[in-house]
Amino acid sequence: RGDRWEEKEMTRYRKRLSDIQTDISEMQRSAPSRQKLEELTTRLKTLQTQSGYNEGDVRANQDRLKQYRQQLDLRNKRLSTLNKDLSNLTAQETSLSSSLSTVQHTISNIENQIFSS
């Protein structure tokens, strides 16, 4: 979301910058007043400065997004490993439970043989 907003802002600033540059060119061709030309030049410089800040913000946000994606990838890999471990432990628990049941059954049979005699 943030990237789209920033791209829209950048596109808007670039359009405004282009419009002002066009205005300056037209004004120079039609012998503009010095005051109007200075005003447009000031507006152009302001927009260029804002554009530079916005581009810096976009780069910083892209870097942060890249870091978050890397962290997410690492956590997903760790989660996958933990799920495999859990699956293995569940299989071991089932096997041990079965073995315990067999041992208990054997003990019960031996007890029955001993105490029934």
C-alpha atoms as a PDB file:
ATOM      1  CA  ARG A   1       0.000   0.000   0.000  1.00  0.00           C
ATOM      2  CA  GLY A   2       2.707   2.411   0.984  1.00  0.00           C
ATOM      3  CA  ASP A   3       4.616   1.768  -2.238  1.00  0.00           C
ATOM      4  CA  ARG A   4       1.562   2.534  -4.364  1.00  0.00           C
ATOM      5  CA  TRP A   5       0.904   5.747  -2.449  1.00  0.00           C
ATOM      6  CA  GLU A   6       4.516   6.818  -2.787  1.00  0.00           C
ATOM      7  CA  GLU A   7       4.506   5.991  -6.497  1.00  0.00           C
ATOM      8  CA  LYS A   8       1.327   8.042  -6.943  1.00  0.00           C
ATOM      9  CA  GLU A   9       2.939  10.930  -5.068  1.00  0.00           C
ATOM     10  CA  MET A  10       6.096  10.664  -7.185  1.00  0.00           C
ATOM     11  CA  THR A  11       4.009  10.571 -10.373  1.00  0.00           C
ATOM     12  CA  ARG A  12       2.050  13.613  -9.190  1.00  0.00           C
ATOM     13  CA  TYR A  13       5.228  15.561  -8.371  1.00  0.00           C
ATOM     14  CA  ARG A  14       6.797  14.605 -11.703  1.00  0.00           C
ATOM     15  CA  LYS A  15       3.660  15.784 -13.541  1.00  0.00           C
ATOM     16  CA  ARG A  16       3.677  19.065 -11.629  1.00  0.00           C
ATOM     17  CA  LEU A  17       7.392  19.420 -12.348  1.00  0.00           C
ATOM     18  CA  SER A  18       6.790  18.797 -16.044  1.00  0.00           C
ATOM     19  CA  ASP A  19       3.890  21.280 -16.082  1.00  0.00           C
ATOM     20  CA  ILE A  20       6.030  23.956 -14.466  1.00  0.00           C
ATOM     21  CA  GLN A  21       8.893  23.308 -16.857  1.00  0.00           C
ATOM     22  CA  THR A  22       6.429  23.614 -19.738  1.00  0.00           C
ATOM     23  CA  ASP A  23       5.077  26.850 -18.250  1.00  0.00           C
ATOM     24  CA  ILE A  24       8.611  28.215 -17.928  1.00  0.00           C
ATOM     25  CA  SER A  25       9.389  27.341 -21.530  1.00  0.00           C
ATOM     26  CA  GLU A  26       6.171  28.957 -22.747  1.00  0.00           C
ATOM     27  CA  MET A  27       6.764  32.025 -20.622  1.00  0.00           C
ATOM     28  CA  GLN A  28      10.302  32.419 -21.946  1.00  0.00           C
ATOM     29  CA  ARG A  29       9.019  32.224 -25.501  1.00  0.00           C
ATOM     30  CA  SER A  30       6.328  34.812 -24.900  1.00  0.00           C
ATOM     31  CA  ALA A  31       8.630  37.261 -23.107  1.00  0.00           C
ATOM     32  CA  PRO A  32       7.300  36.711 -19.563  1.00  0.00           C
ATOM     33  CA  SER A  33       7.574  39.182 -16.807  1.00  0.00           C
ATOM     34  CA  ARG A  34      10.650  38.767 -14.660  1.00  0.00           C
ATOM     35  CA  GLN A  35       8.526  38.333 -11.526  1.00  0.00           C
ATOM     36  CA  LYS A  36       6.463  35.489 -13.036  1.00  0.00           C
ATOM     37  CA  LEU A  37       9.604  33.735 -14.233  1.00  0.00           C
ATOM     38  CA  GLU A  38      11.210  33.993 -10.781  1.00  0.00           C
ATOM     39  CA  GLU A  39       8.017  32.673  -9.194  1.00  0.00           C
ATOM     40  CA  LEU A  40       7.940  29.666 -11.511  1.00  0.00           C
ATOM     41  CA  THR A  41      11.652  29.029 -10.972  1.00  0.00           C
ATOM     42  CA  THR A  42      11.119  29.061  -7.199  1.00  0.00           C
ATOM     43  CA  ARG A  43       8.174  26.668  -7.493  1.00  0.00           C
ATOM     44  CA  LEU A  44      10.283  24.392  -9.694  1.00  0.00           C
ATOM     45  CA  LYS A  45      13.126  24.319  -7.160  1.00  0.00           C
ATOM     46  CA  THR A  46      10.645  23.579  -4.361  1.00  0.00           C
ATOM     47  CA  LEU A  47       9.172  20.677  -6.298  1.00  0.00           C
ATOM     48  CA  GLN A  48      12.621  19.342  -7.129  1.00  0.00           C
ATOM     49  CA  THR A  49      13.528  19.413  -3.437  1.00  0.00           C
ATOM     50  CA  GLN A  50      10.280  17.639  -2.482  1.00  0.00           C
ATOM     51  CA  SER A  51      10.893  15.094  -5.219  1.00  0.00           C
ATOM     52  CA  GLY A  52      14.351  14.366  -3.828  1.00  0.00           C
ATOM     53  CA  TYR A  53      12.954  13.820  -0.338  1.00  0.00           C
ATOM     54  CA  ASN A  54      10.203  11.578  -1.687  1.00  0.00           C
ATOM     55  CA  GLU A  55      12.651   9.507  -3.672  1.00  0.00           C
ATOM     56  CA  GLY A  56      14.743   9.087  -0.522  1.00  0.00           C
ATOM     57  CA  ASP A  57      11.642   7.982   1.374  1.00  0.00           C
ATOM     58  CA  VAL A  58      10.803   5.474  -1.348  1.00  0.00           C
ATOM     59  CA  ARG A  59      14.316   3.984  -1.184  1.00  0.00           C
ATOM     60  CA  ALA A  60      14.195   3.804   2.627  1.00  0.00           C
ATOM     61  CA  ASN A  61      10.787   2.109   2.545  1.00  0.00           C
ATOM     62  CA  GLN A  62      11.953  -0.354  -0.090  1.00  0.00           C
ATOM     63  CA  ASP A  63      14.971  -1.220   2.087  1.00  0.00           C
ATOM     64  CA  ARG A  64      12.732  -1.747   5.118  1.00  0.00           C
ATOM     65  CA  LEU A  65      10.365  -3.881   3.054  1.00  0.00           C
ATOM     66  CA  LYS A  66      13.297  -5.983   1.866  1.00  0.00           C
ATOM     67  CA  GLN A  67      14.425  -6.502   5.478  1.00  0.00           C
ATOM     68  CA  TYR A  68      10.915  -7.487   6.557  1.00  0.00           C
ATOM     69  CA  ARG A  69      10.677  -9.988   3.704  1.00  0.00           C
ATOM     70  CA  GLN A  70      14.027 -11.503   4.689  1.00  0.00           C
ATOM     71  CA  GLN A  71      12.881 -11.812   8.301  1.00  0.00           C
ATOM     72  CA  LEU A  72       9.628 -13.403   7.163  1.00  0.00           C
ATOM     73  CA  ASP A  73      11.524 -15.899   5.000  1.00  0.00           C
ATOM     74  CA  LEU A  74      13.753 -16.853   7.935  1.00  0.00           C
ATOM     75  CA  ARG A  75      10.764 -17.299  10.229  1.00  0.00           C
ATOM     76  CA  ASN A  76       8.943 -19.389   7.630  1.00  0.00           C
ATOM     77  CA  LYS A  77      12.000 -21.647   7.272  1.00  0.00           C
ATOM     78  CA  ARG A  78      12.210 -22.008  11.052  1.00  0.00           C
ATOM     79  CA  LEU A  79       8.489 -22.776  11.219  1.00  0.00           C
ATOM     80  CA  SER A  80       8.899 -25.436   8.541  1.00  0.00           C
ATOM     81  CA  THR A  81      11.730 -27.026  10.528  1.00  0.00           C
ATOM     82  CA  LEU A  82       9.647 -26.958  13.715  1.00  0.00           C
ATOM     83  CA  ASN A  83       6.691 -28.558  11.916  1.00  0.00           C
ATOM     84  CA  LYS A  84       8.948 -31.362  10.646  1.00  0.00           C
ATOM     85  CA  ASP A  85      10.315 -31.862  14.171  1.00  0.00           C
ATOM     86  CA  LEU A  86       6.770 -31.957  15.545  1.00  0.00           C
ATOM     87  CA  SER A  87       5.766 -34.513  12.942  1.00  0.00           C
ATOM     88  CA  ASN A  88       8.768 -36.688  13.839  1.00  0.00           C
ATOM     89  CA  LEU A  89       8.018 -36.403  17.566  1.00  0.00           C
ATOM     90  CA  THR A  90       4.391 -37.313  16.973  1.00  0.00           C
ATOM     91  CA  ALA A  91       5.460 -40.414  15.058  1.00  0.00           C
ATOM     92  CA  GLN A  92       7.892 -41.344  17.845  1.00  0.00           C
ATOM     93  CA  GLU A  93       5.191 -40.808  20.478  1.00  0.00           C
ATOM     94  CA  THR A  94       2.830 -43.098  18.554  1.00  0.00           C
ATOM     95  CA  SER A  95       5.517 -45.753  18.271  1.00  0.00           C
ATOM     96  CA  LEU A  96       6.440 -45.493  21.964  1.00  0.00           C
ATOM     97  CA  SER A  97       2.793 -45.582  22.963  1.00  0.00           C
ATOM     98  CA  SER A  98       2.339 -48.755  20.944  1.00  0.00           C
ATOM     99  CA  SER A  99       5.444 -50.286  22.538  1.00  0.00           C
ATOM    100  CA  LEU A 100       4.205 -49.311  26.012  1.00  0.00           C
ATOM    101  CA  SER A 101       0.861 -50.909  25.296  1.00  0.00           C
ATOM    102  CA  THR A 102       2.616 -54.108  24.204  1.00  0.00           C
ATOM    103  CA  VAL A 103       4.792 -54.114  27.350  1.00  0.00           C
ATOM    104  CA  GLN A 104       1.761 -53.500  29.576  1.00  0.00           C
ATOM    105  CA  HIS A 105      -0.104 -56.318  27.893  1.00  0.00           C
ATOM    106  CA  THR A 106       2.885 -58.647  28.377  1.00  0.00           C
ATOM    107  CA  ILE A 107       3.167 -57.673  32.067  1.00  0.00           C
ATOM    108  CA  SER A 108      -0.540 -58.297  32.525  1.00  0.00           C
ATOM    109  CA  ASN A 109      -0.247 -61.752  30.936  1.00  0.00           C
ATOM    110  CA  ILE A 110       2.734 -62.626  33.137  1.00  0.00           C
ATOM    111  CA  GLU A 111       0.922 -61.402  36.260  1.00  0.00           C
ATOM    112  CA  ASN A 112      -2.106 -63.474  35.320  1.00  0.00           C
ATOM    113  CA  GLN A 113       0.076 -66.553  34.876  1.00  0.00           C
ATOM    114  CA  ILE A 114       1.847 -65.984  38.188  1.00  0.00           C
ATOM    115  CA  PHE A 115      -1.235 -65.218  40.285  1.00  0.00           C
ATOM    116  CA  SER A 116      -3.588 -67.700  38.654  1.00  0.00           C
ATOM    117  CA  SER A 117      -1.396 -70.667  39.505  1.00  0.00           C
END
